[in-house]
Amino acid sequence: MSDIIQSTAEKIKKLQVQGARNVAIAAVKAIQTQAQQTKTNSKKQFLAELKQAQKIFATTRETEPLMRNAIRYLITQTEDVATEKVSELSQIVNVKATQFLRDLEESKEIIAEIGARRIQNNSVVFTHCHSSTVNHLFAKAKADGKNFKVICTETRPAFQGRITAKKLVDLGIETTFIVDSAARTFMNKVDAVFVGADAITSEGNVVNKIGTSSIAVLAMEARTPLYVVTELLKFNPETLSGECEKIEHRGIGEVWSEAPDGLKICNPAFDVTPNRYIHGLICEEGIIAPQTIVQVIKPKYPWIL
């Protein structure tokens, strides 16, 4: 397997590449490079190489359906062509990867345009963890001339909220940074909650950074609408057959590097927010009820199903 696949997979595993969108982009670009550098001599070998890369990336992060869908798309598009020439197959991967990344970027712009309309002038919004898509939505609202404030959590144990806070301050958005456990204290002071997603199930439940489900409960208690800002490509088709989205558990050193011997530490990276707590999914097809996810995906991305 090429060095680019191994090195990219290692970066994803070590959180040197963070965020579902960035993870998917990194994997697609790595496969694109591998296809260009391939030494295979037949279509069978070429596809075997792609599928080996798929297996390697699948072991990096369990809760990454966007990355898995992206790689599945490249493989299915390559399998379906009639040509046996490796040079042509390599070009197909290159073209399809470029197209996928372009479409992903266009989706981000559409989502930001739609979501920014939900931020009112002089409002206060709340976010958790770091989502490049959510941040882009905030940037769009700011560019539209809206004056608003953001409250964001630190997001333990890896403190991804610090990334969010820095980017918002750089955008000139007034931002308040709080510890995770202060979410309830501030929830009655906000007008809306915007969070990202790492996975969406067939029922419209959302898997996101640990703590999201608690924030969703607090938002409902405060009658504050919670929006999930996400690409439809984060849908996990395996959940259609009853499979549950796997929840990644990370090393205990992230929580307490010098914990006393004998202490048990659990570090789930994600949790599941039931659809009943979600006001709407802000996606490239508009703002949809989470329960309608399969009906919306079917005409848009039929190859996922």
Foldseek 3Di string as FASTA:
>chain_A
DDPLLVVLLVCLLVVVQDALLRNLLSLLVSLLVCLVVDPDFWLVVNLVVLVVSLVSNCVRAQLRLLNNLSSLVLSVQLVPDDDTGSVVSSVSSNVSSVVVNVVVVVFLVLLLVQLLVVDAAAFEEEEEADHPSVLSNVLVNVVVVGAYAYEYELQPLVRNRVVVVVSCVVSVHHYHYYHLVCLLVCLLRGQAYEYEANAAELQLKTKDFPSPQVSLVSNVVSVHAYEYEYELSRYQPVCVVPDDRDWDWDDCCSVPVDDDPPDDDTGTGIDIHHQVSHPFYRTSVHTHRSRCSVVVCCVVPVVND
